[in-house]
C-alpha atoms as a PDB file:
ATOM      1  CA  MET A   1      12.582 -21.458  30.643  1.00  0.00           C
ATOM      2  CA  SER A   2      13.994 -23.958  27.547  1.00  0.00           C
ATOM      3  CA  SER A   3      16.087 -27.290  28.228  1.00  0.00           C
ATOM      4  CA  GLU A   4      18.144 -27.589  25.362  1.00  0.00           C
ATOM      5  CA  THR A   5      21.461 -25.888  23.691  1.00  0.00           C
ATOM      6  CA  SER A   6      22.515 -26.154  20.619  1.00  0.00           C
ATOM      7  CA  ALA A   7      25.608 -28.193  20.511  1.00  0.00           C
ATOM      8  CA  GLU A   8      27.114 -24.672  18.861  1.00  0.00           C
ATOM      9  CA  ASP A   9      26.062 -22.197  21.160  1.00  0.00           C
ATOM     10  CA  ALA A  10      27.291 -24.230  23.975  1.00  0.00           C
ATOM     11  CA  SER A  11      30.440 -24.474  22.955  1.00  0.00           C
ATOM     12  CA  GLU A  12      31.310 -21.160  23.621  1.00  0.00           C
ATOM     13  CA  LEU A  13      29.974 -20.627  26.984  1.00  0.00           C
ATOM     14  CA  ALA A  14      31.799 -19.249  29.544  1.00  0.00           C
ATOM     15  CA  TRP A  15      31.038 -22.767  32.667  1.00  0.00           C
ATOM     16  CA  PHE A  16      32.405 -21.993  35.556  1.00  0.00           C
ATOM     17  CA  LYS A  17      31.183 -23.403  39.345  1.00  0.00           C
ATOM     18  CA  SER A  18      30.566 -21.477  42.816  1.00  0.00           C
ATOM     19  CA  SER A  19      33.565 -19.883  45.194  1.00  0.00           C
ATOM     20  CA  TYR A  20      31.224 -21.684  47.338  1.00  0.00           C
ATOM     21  CA  SER A  21      31.720 -24.965  45.663  1.00  0.00           C
ATOM     22  CA  ASP A  22      33.413 -27.565  47.551  1.00  0.00           C
ATOM     23  CA  SER A  23      37.222 -28.010  46.674  1.00  0.00           C
ATOM     24  CA  SER A  24      38.062 -31.542  48.600  1.00  0.00           C
ATOM     25  CA  ASN A  25      35.374 -32.579  46.160  1.00  0.00           C
ATOM     26  CA  SER A  26      34.872 -30.272  43.302  1.00  0.00           C
ATOM     27  CA  ASN A  27      33.065 -32.009  40.477  1.00  0.00           C
ATOM     28  CA  GLU A  28      30.060 -31.919  42.310  1.00  0.00           C
ATOM     29  CA  CYS A  29      28.730 -28.836  41.694  1.00  0.00           C
ATOM     30  CA  VAL A  30      26.403 -27.103  39.499  1.00  0.00           C
ATOM     31  CA  GLU A  31      28.302 -24.778  36.625  1.00  0.00           C
ATOM     32  CA  VAL A  32      26.121 -21.962  35.416  1.00  0.00           C
ATOM     33  CA  ALA A  33      27.064 -19.815  31.882  1.00  0.00           C
ATOM     34  CA  THR A  34      26.176 -16.552  31.031  1.00  0.00           C
ATOM     35  CA  ALA A  35      24.957 -15.255  27.995  1.00  0.00           C
ATOM     36  CA  PRO A  36      22.738 -12.573  26.331  1.00  0.00           C
ATOM     37  CA  GLY A  37      18.916 -13.300  27.995  1.00  0.00           C
ATOM     38  CA  ALA A  38      20.153 -16.494  29.452  1.00  0.00           C
ATOM     39  CA  VAL A  39      21.503 -17.992  31.869  1.00  0.00           C
ATOM     40  CA  HIS A  40      22.691 -21.593  31.937  1.00  0.00           C
ATOM     41  CA  VAL A  41      23.124 -24.375  34.654  1.00  0.00           C
ATOM     42  CA  ARG A  42      24.863 -27.485  34.082  1.00  0.00           C
ATOM     43  CA  ASP A  43      25.707 -30.464  35.765  1.00  0.00           C
ATOM     44  CA  SER A  44      29.580 -30.053  36.700  1.00  0.00           C
ATOM     45  CA  LYS A  45      29.518 -34.158  36.699  1.00  0.00           C
ATOM     46  CA  ASN A  46      27.405 -34.531  33.644  1.00  0.00           C
ATOM     47  CA  ALA A  47      28.730 -31.435  31.854  1.00  0.00           C
ATOM     48  CA  ARG A  48      27.305 -32.832  27.990  1.00  0.00           C
ATOM     49  CA  GLY A  49      24.204 -33.880  29.802  1.00  0.00           C
ATOM     50  CA  PRO A  50      21.752 -32.102  29.850  1.00  0.00           C
ATOM     51  CA  ARG A  51      21.724 -28.365  30.739  1.00  0.00           C
ATOM     52  CA  ILE A  52      18.412 -25.389  31.788  1.00  0.00           C
ATOM     53  CA  SER A  53      18.498 -22.194  30.935  1.00  0.00           C
ATOM     54  CA  VAL A  54      16.569 -19.684  32.595  1.00  0.00           C
ATOM     55  CA  ARG A  55      15.879 -15.995  31.635  1.00  0.00           C
ATOM     56  CA  PRO A  56      18.536 -13.377  34.422  1.00  0.00           C
ATOM     57  CA  ALA A  57      15.354 -12.420  36.265  1.00  0.00           C
ATOM     58  CA  VAL A  58      14.360 -15.491  36.958  1.00  0.00           C
ATOM     59  CA  TRP A  59      17.873 -16.788  37.762  1.00  0.00           C
ATOM     60  CA  GLU A  60      17.691 -13.304  39.717  1.00  0.00           C
ATOM     61  CA  GLY A  61      15.282 -14.533  41.434  1.00  0.00           C
ATOM     62  CA  PHE A  62      16.253 -17.977  42.930  1.00  0.00           C
ATOM     63  CA  VAL A  63      20.151 -16.510  43.899  1.00  0.00           C
ATOM     64  CA  SER A  64      18.411 -14.095  46.078  1.00  0.00           C
ATOM     65  CA  TYR A  65      15.890 -16.499  47.299  1.00  0.00           C
ATOM     66  CA  ALA A  66      18.733 -19.720  47.791  1.00  0.00           C
ATOM     67  CA  ALA A  67      20.965 -16.771  49.868  1.00  0.00           C
ATOM     68  CA  GLN A  68      18.090 -16.164  52.409  1.00  0.00           C
ATOM     69  CA  HIS A  69      17.480 -19.927  53.015  1.00  0.00           C
END
Protein backbone atom coordinates (compact mmCIF):
# COMPACT_ATOMS: atom_id res chain seq x y z
CA MET A 1 0.00 0.00 0.00
CA SER A 2 1.19 3.50 -0.75
CA SER A 3 -0.02 6.74 0.81
CA GLU A 4 1.54 9.09 -1.71
CA THR A 5 0.65 10.05 -5.25
CA SER A 6 2.59 12.77 -6.98
CA ALA A 7 0.67 15.89 -8.03
CA GLU A 8 1.33 15.02 -11.64
CA ASP A 9 -0.08 11.50 -11.27
CA ALA A 10 -3.12 12.74 -9.30
CA SER A 11 -4.08 15.23 -12.00
CA GLU A 12 -4.20 12.43 -14.58
CA LEU A 13 -6.49 10.17 -12.57
CA ALA A 14 -10.20 9.89 -13.38
CA TRP A 15 -11.93 9.85 -9.98
CA PHE A 16 -15.45 8.43 -9.53
CA LYS A 17 -17.91 7.70 -6.74
CA SER A 18 -19.98 4.59 -6.22
CA SER A 19 -23.41 4.48 -7.79
CA TYR A 20 -24.59 3.65 -4.26
CA SER A 21 -23.49 7.07 -2.97
CA ASP A 22 -26.23 8.98 -1.15
CA SER A 23 -27.48 11.49 -3.72
CA SER A 24 -28.89 13.75 -0.96
CA ASN A 25 -25.38 14.30 0.41
CA SER A 26 -23.01 13.53 -2.45
CA ASN A 27 -19.98 15.09 -0.75
CA GLU A 28 -19.77 12.41 1.95
CA CYS A 29 -18.26 9.56 0.06
CA VAL A 30 -14.96 8.08 -0.97
CA GLU A 31 -13.78 8.41 -4.54
CA VAL A 32 -11.79 5.82 -6.44
CA ALA A 33 -9.49 6.08 -9.44
CA THR A 34 -7.90 3.15 -11.20
CA ALA A 35 -4.51 3.14 -12.85
CA PRO A 36 -2.29 0.36 -14.15
CA GLY A 37 -1.13 -1.56 -11.10
CA ALA A 38 -2.99 0.55 -8.49
CA VAL A 39 -6.38 1.59 -7.18
CA HIS A 40 -6.38 5.03 -5.54
CA VAL A 41 -8.87 6.05 -2.83
CA ARG A 42 -9.57 9.51 -1.40
CA ASP A 43 -12.18 11.38 0.68
CA SER A 44 -14.54 13.31 -1.58
CA LYS A 45 -14.76 16.14 0.98
CA ASN A 46 -10.99 16.68 0.78
CA ALA A 47 -9.93 15.94 -2.78
CA ARG A 48 -6.49 17.53 -2.27
CA GLY A 49 -5.97 15.70 1.01
CA PRO A 50 -4.41 12.34 1.71
CA ARG A 51 -5.14 9.35 -0.45
CA ILE A 52 -4.13 5.74 -0.40
CA SER A 53 -3.30 3.39 -3.20
CA VAL A 54 -3.42 -0.40 -3.17
CA ARG A 55 -2.76 -3.16 -5.65
CA PRO A 56 -5.83 -4.19 -7.67
CA ALA A 57 -5.92 -7.64 -6.00
CA VAL A 58 -6.08 -5.99 -2.57
CA TRP A 59 -8.94 -3.73 -3.71
CA GLU A 60 -10.82 -6.73 -5.17
CA GLY A 61 -10.50 -8.51 -1.84
CA PHE A 62 -11.79 -5.49 0.05
CA VAL A 63 -14.78 -4.99 -2.28
CA SER A 64 -15.65 -8.69 -2.06
CA TYR A 65 -15.48 -8.60 1.74
CA ALA A 66 -17.52 -5.37 1.97
CA ALA A 67 -20.22 -6.74 -0.33
CA GLN A 68 -20.73 -9.68 1.98
CA HIS A 69 -21.00 -7.64 5.20
